[in-house]
Amino acid sequence: MKSCWIVTTGGRTVLEFRDVPVPQAPPGEIVVRVRAAGLNRGEMIAGGVMHGGPAKLGGTEAAGEVHAVGEGVIAVRPGDRVMGRVLGRERGAFAEYAMMEAGQVMPLPAHLAWEQAAAIPVNFLVVYDALFPYGHLKRGEWLLITGASSATGVAAVQAGKFAGARVIGTSGSDEKLARLKVIGLDAGIRTRAADFAAKVRELTGGRGADLAVNCVGGSMFPECMRALGFGGRLATVGYVDGVYRNEIDLQDLHANRHVVFGVSNSRLDAEGRAASVRGFVRDLLPAFNDGRIVPVIDRVFPFDQLPAAKAYMESNAQVGKIVIRVA
């Protein structure tokens, strides 16, 4: 089958097409006939937690039909329409067939196209963890999102509005902020710099953000902390800026009872990953089933144009998700 690998060379990642055997379903897993796959910036970062190593079969989420099931899998059968994360060094969605842990398999909302379904698993599961079990977002609270036009940022806007929050987002583009307001952004701050805390306090009547989701990285960390109100929480979901370290004001953290946490699946075991999926299916998937949340697709590229899709992602022109049509 055709597949596409992410290869680290000279400190950067490149894509390499390879012909490999169709995978067989091991116990507790399934093989999916991939129809569409989502593109995620994190797995393209050389040395990042989603990539690492010299080469990896690319693609961390897929939508398609169940092709085969391994021993012990009873929840799905061949022909079922499913979506889910594709995790692990020997797994990848940039292929005509992909292996998926049974605990990652989710039913595909009936009215969604393959491309829309492929835009859900990674970003919305990350956002679910950041906003709900860890972020404890409540109706009426203020949610701040840096890099709000990214795929994760857009998912956070949509999930935050579903939860009844008031959402503030940062972006360097007025056009992007205008597009985000169509899907629920309450207030936009046009900036690419770490200079938004004062504006957040102005917008919130001096209160500050109750929860901040940092989609950018370390360069925004101190300013996100300054933007938090009393009891505020800060979720770090990525570091696309390549800045992995910054200072923290312990007096401010202590006095204001701030909570700082990260959201990553890199060290979760299979049960931990499955538990996250179960929570998402229970709490957030119904909003996709009835149309309250519709994934935002920026562009769809055919499989053989994956390098062009990667280049487009790296141009930072997108609002929402970039998807690959595999079949």
Protein backbone atom coordinates (compact mmCIF):
# COMPACT_ATOMS: atom_id res chain seq x y z
CA MET A 1 0.00 0.00 0.00
CA LYS A 2 1.04 3.62 -0.41
CA SER A 3 2.18 5.40 2.75
CA CYS A 4 3.93 8.64 3.69
CA TRP A 5 6.65 8.91 6.33
CA ILE A 6 7.92 11.90 8.28
CA VAL A 7 11.71 11.83 8.18
CA THR A 8 14.02 14.07 10.18
CA THR A 9 17.05 15.21 8.23
CA GLY A 10 19.32 18.17 8.91
CA GLY A 11 17.20 19.28 11.84
CA ARG A 12 13.98 19.51 9.83
CA THR A 13 11.23 17.17 8.78
CA VAL A 14 10.52 16.07 5.21
CA LEU A 15 7.91 13.73 3.77
CA GLU A 16 8.84 10.51 2.02
CA PHE A 17 6.41 8.20 0.19
CA ARG A 18 6.97 4.47 0.63
CA ASP A 19 5.26 1.25 -0.39
CA VAL A 20 4.69 -0.95 2.67
CA PRO A 21 2.57 -4.06 3.39
CA VAL A 22 -1.04 -3.67 4.46
CA PRO A 23 -1.06 -4.04 8.27
CA GLN A 24 -2.68 -7.01 9.99
CA ALA A 25 -4.93 -6.42 12.99
CA PRO A 26 -3.20 -7.51 16.23
CA PRO A 27 -5.25 -8.39 19.34
CA GLY A 28 -7.12 -5.39 20.69
CA GLU A 29 -6.74 -3.32 17.53
CA ILE A 30 -8.43 -2.78 14.20
CA VAL A 31 -7.31 -1.97 10.67
CA VAL A 32 -9.08 0.95 9.02
CA ARG A 33 -9.40 1.60 5.31
CA VAL A 34 -8.39 5.26 5.49
CA ARG A 35 -10.59 7.71 3.61
CA ALA A 36 -9.25 10.93 5.12
CA ALA A 37 -6.55 11.99 7.58
CA GLY A 38 -5.92 15.19 9.51
CA LEU A 39 -2.69 17.17 9.35
CA ASN A 40 -1.16 18.15 12.70
CA ARG A 41 1.66 20.62 13.11
CA GLY A 42 2.98 18.93 16.26
CA GLU A 43 4.06 15.78 14.46
CA MET A 44 6.04 17.84 11.95
CA ILE A 45 8.27 19.39 14.64
CA ALA A 46 11.68 17.73 14.52
CA GLY A 47 12.35 16.14 17.90
CA GLY A 48 8.87 16.96 19.22
CA VAL A 49 6.92 14.61 21.45
CA MET A 50 4.56 13.73 18.58
CA HIS A 51 7.46 12.87 16.29
CA GLY A 52 10.90 12.05 17.68
CA GLY A 53 13.28 9.57 16.11
CA PRO A 54 14.61 9.61 12.54
CA ALA A 55 11.45 8.38 10.79
CA LYS A 56 7.79 7.81 11.58
CA LEU A 57 4.78 6.73 9.56
CA GLY A 58 2.89 10.02 9.44
CA GLY A 59 -0.65 10.91 10.39
CA THR A 60 -2.14 10.83 13.87
CA GLU A 61 -5.88 10.73 13.09
CA ALA A 62 -8.07 9.07 10.51
CA ALA A 63 -11.61 8.48 9.33
CA GLY A 64 -12.60 5.45 7.30
CA GLU A 65 -14.18 2.01 7.24
CA VAL A 66 -13.22 -0.89 9.47
CA HIS A 67 -11.28 -3.31 7.28
CA ALA A 68 -10.40 -5.99 9.86
CA VAL A 69 -10.62 -6.49 13.62
CA GLY A 70 -8.14 -8.18 15.92
CA GLU A 71 -8.81 -10.77 18.56
CA GLY A 72 -10.93 -9.49 21.42
CA VAL A 73 -12.43 -6.51 19.53
CA ILE A 74 -16.22 -6.71 19.72
CA ALA A 75 -17.42 -3.10 19.61
CA VAL A 76 -16.99 -2.72 15.83
CA ARG A 77 -17.02 -4.96 12.80
CA PRO A 78 -15.82 -4.72 9.19
CA GLY A 79 -17.65 -2.07 7.22
CA ASP A 80 -18.39 0.23 10.16
CA ARG A 81 -17.67 3.95 9.61
CA VAL A 82 -15.26 5.11 12.30
CA MET A 83 -12.79 7.81 13.26
CA GLY A 84 -10.04 8.01 15.84
CA ARG A 85 -6.46 8.76 16.76
CA VAL A 86 -3.75 6.64 15.18
CA LEU A 87 -0.92 6.50 17.70
CA GLY A 88 2.44 4.78 17.88
CA ARG A 89 5.61 4.45 15.83
CA GLU A 90 4.30 1.60 13.68
CA ARG A 91 0.92 3.25 13.15
CA GLY A 92 0.04 6.17 10.92
CA ALA A 93 -2.93 7.62 9.05
CA PHE A 94 -0.92 8.77 6.02
CA ALA A 95 -1.54 5.41 4.41
CA GLU A 96 -4.26 3.52 2.60
CA TYR A 97 -4.75 1.29 5.65
CA ALA A 98 -3.97 2.10 9.28
CA MET A 99 -3.99 0.31 12.64
CA MET A 100 -5.98 1.81 15.49
CA GLU A 101 -6.25 0.79 19.14
CA ALA A 102 -9.76 -0.39 19.96
CA GLY A 103 -9.89 2.19 22.74
CA GLN A 104 -9.38 5.00 20.21
CA VAL A 105 -12.21 4.01 17.89
CA MET A 106 -15.21 6.33 17.78
CA PRO A 107 -18.38 6.10 15.68
CA LEU A 108 -18.46 8.55 12.83
CA PRO A 109 -21.38 11.03 13.03
CA ALA A 110 -23.75 9.96 10.27
CA HIS A 111 -24.10 13.35 8.56
CA LEU A 112 -20.38 14.16 8.40
CA ALA A 113 -18.16 13.68 5.37
CA TRP A 114 -14.93 11.70 5.73
CA GLU A 115 -12.91 14.92 5.67
CA GLN A 116 -14.97 16.50 8.46
CA ALA A 117 -14.66 13.39 10.62
CA ALA A 118 -10.88 13.29 10.12
CA ALA A 119 -10.72 16.82 11.56
CA ILE A 120 -12.09 15.75 14.95
CA PRO A 121 -9.98 13.16 16.82
CA VAL A 122 -6.70 14.87 17.66
CA ASN A 123 -7.58 18.53 18.16
CA PHE A 124 -10.96 18.04 19.79
CA LEU A 125 -9.68 15.34 22.15
CA VAL A 126 -6.83 17.65 23.20
CA VAL A 127 -9.31 20.49 23.68
CA TYR A 128 -11.70 18.25 25.58
CA ASP A 129 -8.99 17.38 28.09
CA ALA A 130 -7.85 20.99 28.35
CA LEU A 131 -11.31 22.49 28.87
CA PHE A 132 -13.20 19.88 30.85
CA PRO A 133 -11.47 17.22 33.01
CA TYR A 134 -8.40 19.41 33.61
CA GLY A 135 -9.57 22.97 32.90
CA HIS A 136 -12.95 22.67 34.67
CA LEU A 137 -14.46 25.28 32.36
CA LYS A 138 -17.86 26.50 33.54
CA ARG A 139 -20.70 28.35 31.87
CA GLY A 140 -20.14 32.10 31.95
CA GLU A 141 -16.38 31.91 32.53
CA TRP A 142 -13.83 33.71 30.35
CA LEU A 143 -11.74 31.51 28.07
CA LEU A 144 -8.56 32.90 26.46
CA ILE A 145 -7.01 31.14 23.45
CA THR A 146 -3.65 32.12 21.96
CA GLY A 147 -3.17 31.21 18.30
CA ALA A 148 -6.95 30.92 17.97
CA SER A 149 -6.94 30.34 14.19
CA SER A 150 -4.94 27.12 14.46
CA ALA A 151 -6.79 23.81 14.27
CA THR A 152 -6.56 23.39 18.05
CA GLY A 153 -7.49 27.03 18.59
CA VAL A 154 -10.60 26.76 16.43
CA ALA A 155 -11.61 23.57 18.23
CA ALA A 156 -11.18 25.40 21.55
CA VAL A 157 -13.40 28.25 20.35
CA GLN A 158 -16.12 25.82 19.32
CA ALA A 159 -15.94 23.64 22.42
CA GLY A 160 -15.74 26.70 24.67
CA LYS A 161 -18.91 28.17 23.18
CA PHE A 162 -20.62 24.78 23.51
CA ALA A 163 -19.75 24.90 27.22
CA GLY A 164 -21.25 28.38 27.55
CA ALA A 165 -17.98 30.26 28.04
CA ARG A 166 -17.15 33.75 26.80
CA VAL A 167 -14.22 33.36 24.41
CA ILE A 168 -11.30 35.68 23.68
CA GLY A 169 -8.79 34.74 20.99
CA THR A 170 -5.51 36.15 19.73
CA SER A 171 -4.37 36.21 16.11
CA GLY A 172 -2.11 38.37 13.97
CA SER A 173 -4.78 38.75 11.30
CA ASP A 174 -7.99 40.80 11.37
CA GLU A 175 -9.36 38.57 8.60
CA LYS A 176 -8.81 35.46 10.68
CA LEU A 177 -10.42 37.04 13.74
CA ALA A 178 -13.45 37.97 11.63
CA ARG A 179 -13.79 34.37 10.48
CA LEU A 180 -13.49 33.15 14.06
CA LYS A 181 -16.30 35.44 15.18
CA VAL A 182 -18.61 33.64 12.78
CA ILE A 183 -18.10 30.42 14.76
CA GLY A 184 -18.49 32.00 18.18
CA LEU A 185 -15.45 34.09 19.15
CA ASP A 186 -16.71 36.86 21.44
CA ALA A 187 -13.64 39.11 21.29
CA GLY A 188 -10.50 39.08 19.19
CA ILE A 189 -7.12 40.61 19.99
CA ARG A 190 -4.98 41.25 16.93
CA THR A 191 -1.40 40.47 17.94
CA ARG A 192 1.41 37.99 17.40
CA ALA A 193 3.31 39.32 20.40
CA ALA A 194 3.10 38.64 24.13
CA ASP A 195 1.27 41.89 24.84
CA PHE A 196 -2.36 40.94 25.36
CA ALA A 197 -2.83 40.62 29.15
CA ALA A 198 -3.95 44.22 29.66
CA LYS A 199 -6.52 43.88 26.86
CA VAL A 200 -7.82 40.64 28.37
CA ARG A 201 -8.35 42.40 31.69
CA GLU A 202 -10.11 45.26 29.93
CA LEU A 203 -12.44 42.89 28.09
CA THR A 204 -13.25 40.99 31.27
CA GLY A 205 -13.95 44.06 33.37
CA GLY A 206 -10.71 43.66 35.31
CA ARG A 207 -11.37 40.02 36.16
CA GLY A 208 -8.89 38.28 33.89
CA ALA A 209 -9.29 34.93 32.15
CA ASP A 210 -10.61 31.97 34.10
CA LEU A 211 -8.93 29.52 31.72
CA ALA A 212 -6.26 30.13 29.09
CA VAL A 213 -5.32 27.64 26.37
CA ASN A 214 -1.84 28.34 25.02
CA CYS A 215 -1.61 26.95 21.50
CA VAL A 216 1.64 28.79 20.72
CA GLY A 217 4.28 27.85 23.29
CA GLY A 218 6.81 29.25 25.71
CA SER A 219 6.96 32.72 24.18
CA MET A 220 3.36 33.28 25.33
CA PHE A 221 3.59 31.56 28.71
CA PRO A 222 4.38 34.56 30.98
CA GLU A 223 1.77 36.76 29.28
CA CYS A 224 -0.87 34.02 29.61
CA MET A 225 -0.07 33.87 33.33
CA ARG A 226 -0.46 37.66 33.59
CA ALA A 227 -3.82 37.44 31.83
CA LEU A 228 -5.27 35.00 34.38
CA GLY A 229 -7.67 36.05 37.08
CA PHE A 230 -7.78 34.73 40.63
CA GLY A 231 -8.03 30.94 40.54
CA GLY A 232 -7.24 30.97 36.83
CA ARG A 233 -5.99 27.88 35.00
CA LEU A 234 -3.45 27.70 32.17
CA ALA A 235 -3.30 24.79 29.72
CA THR A 236 -0.29 24.32 27.46
CA VAL A 237 -1.18 22.24 24.40
CA GLY A 238 1.80 22.87 22.15
CA TYR A 239 4.95 24.83 21.43
CA VAL A 240 4.93 25.58 17.73
CA ASP A 241 7.10 28.63 18.45
CA GLY A 242 9.96 26.32 19.44
CA VAL A 243 10.27 28.00 22.85
CA TYR A 244 10.30 25.31 25.52
CA ARG A 245 11.32 27.31 28.59
CA ASN A 246 10.35 30.54 30.29
CA GLU A 247 10.14 32.07 33.73
CA ILE A 248 7.26 31.81 36.17
CA ASP A 249 6.44 34.27 38.95
CA LEU A 250 5.96 32.02 41.96
CA GLN A 251 4.59 34.82 44.11
CA ASP A 252 1.88 35.51 41.54
CA LEU A 253 1.16 31.79 41.15
CA HIS A 254 0.94 31.36 44.92
CA ALA A 255 -1.13 34.42 45.76
CA ASN A 256 -3.66 33.92 42.95
CA ARG A 257 -4.02 30.15 43.34
CA HIS A 258 -3.24 29.58 39.68
CA VAL A 259 -3.20 26.10 38.18
CA VAL A 260 -0.74 25.30 35.38
CA PHE A 261 -0.95 22.05 33.41
CA GLY A 262 -0.06 20.48 30.09
CA VAL A 263 -2.10 18.28 27.76
CA SER A 264 -0.21 15.55 25.90
CA ASN A 265 -0.80 11.89 25.15
CA SER A 266 2.88 11.05 24.75
CA ARG A 267 3.18 9.32 28.14
CA LEU A 268 -0.37 8.06 28.64
CA ASP A 269 -0.84 4.30 28.58
CA ALA A 270 -3.55 2.65 26.48
CA GLU A 271 -6.12 2.84 29.28
CA GLY A 272 -5.39 6.50 29.90
CA ARG A 273 -5.91 7.26 26.21
CA ALA A 274 -9.08 5.18 26.14
CA ALA A 275 -10.45 6.98 29.22
CA SER A 276 -10.03 10.32 27.45
CA VAL A 277 -11.92 8.99 24.43
CA ARG A 278 -14.75 7.68 26.61
CA GLY A 279 -15.13 11.09 28.23
CA PHE A 280 -15.17 12.83 24.86
CA VAL A 281 -17.77 10.42 23.46
CA ARG A 282 -19.97 10.97 26.51
CA ASP A 283 -19.64 14.75 26.85
CA LEU A 284 -18.75 16.29 23.49
CA LEU A 285 -19.49 13.88 20.64
CA PRO A 286 -23.27 14.44 20.97
CA ALA A 287 -22.69 18.03 19.84
CA PHE A 288 -21.21 16.70 16.58
CA ASN A 289 -24.01 14.19 16.16
CA ASP A 290 -26.73 16.86 16.27
CA GLY A 291 -24.84 19.60 14.43
CA ARG A 292 -24.16 21.98 17.32
CA ILE A 293 -20.45 21.67 16.46
CA VAL A 294 -19.34 21.36 12.83
CA PRO A 295 -15.60 20.89 12.19
CA VAL A 296 -14.01 23.83 10.39
CA ILE A 297 -12.04 22.69 7.33
CA ASP A 298 -9.64 25.19 5.80
CA ARG A 299 -8.39 23.11 2.84
CA VAL A 300 -8.42 19.54 1.60
CA PHE A 301 -5.42 18.14 -0.29
CA PRO A 302 -5.21 14.81 -2.17
CA PHE A 303 -2.85 12.20 -0.73
CA ASP A 304 -0.15 12.69 -3.35
CA GLN A 305 0.01 16.42 -2.50
CA LEU A 306 0.94 15.90 1.14
CA PRO A 307 4.17 17.92 0.76
CA ALA A 308 2.11 20.86 -0.54
CA ALA A 309 -0.25 20.47 2.42
CA LYS A 310 2.72 20.57 4.81
CA ALA A 311 4.05 23.71 3.14
CA TYR A 312 0.64 25.35 3.34
CA MET A 313 0.40 24.52 7.05
CA GLU A 314 3.85 26.02 7.64
CA SER A 315 2.76 29.23 5.88
CA ASN A 316 0.34 29.87 8.78
CA ALA A 317 -2.45 30.83 6.38
CA GLN A 318 -5.05 28.43 7.73
CA VAL A 319 -8.12 28.94 9.88
CA GLY A 320 -9.13 25.52 11.13
CA LYS A 321 -8.08 22.13 9.87
CA ILE A 322 -6.06 20.95 6.90
CA VAL A 323 -7.19 17.48 5.79
CA ILE A 324 -5.77 14.88 3.43
CA ARG A 325 -8.16 12.90 1.20
CA VAL A 326 -6.57 9.46 1.08
CA ALA A 327 -9.03 7.49 -1.03
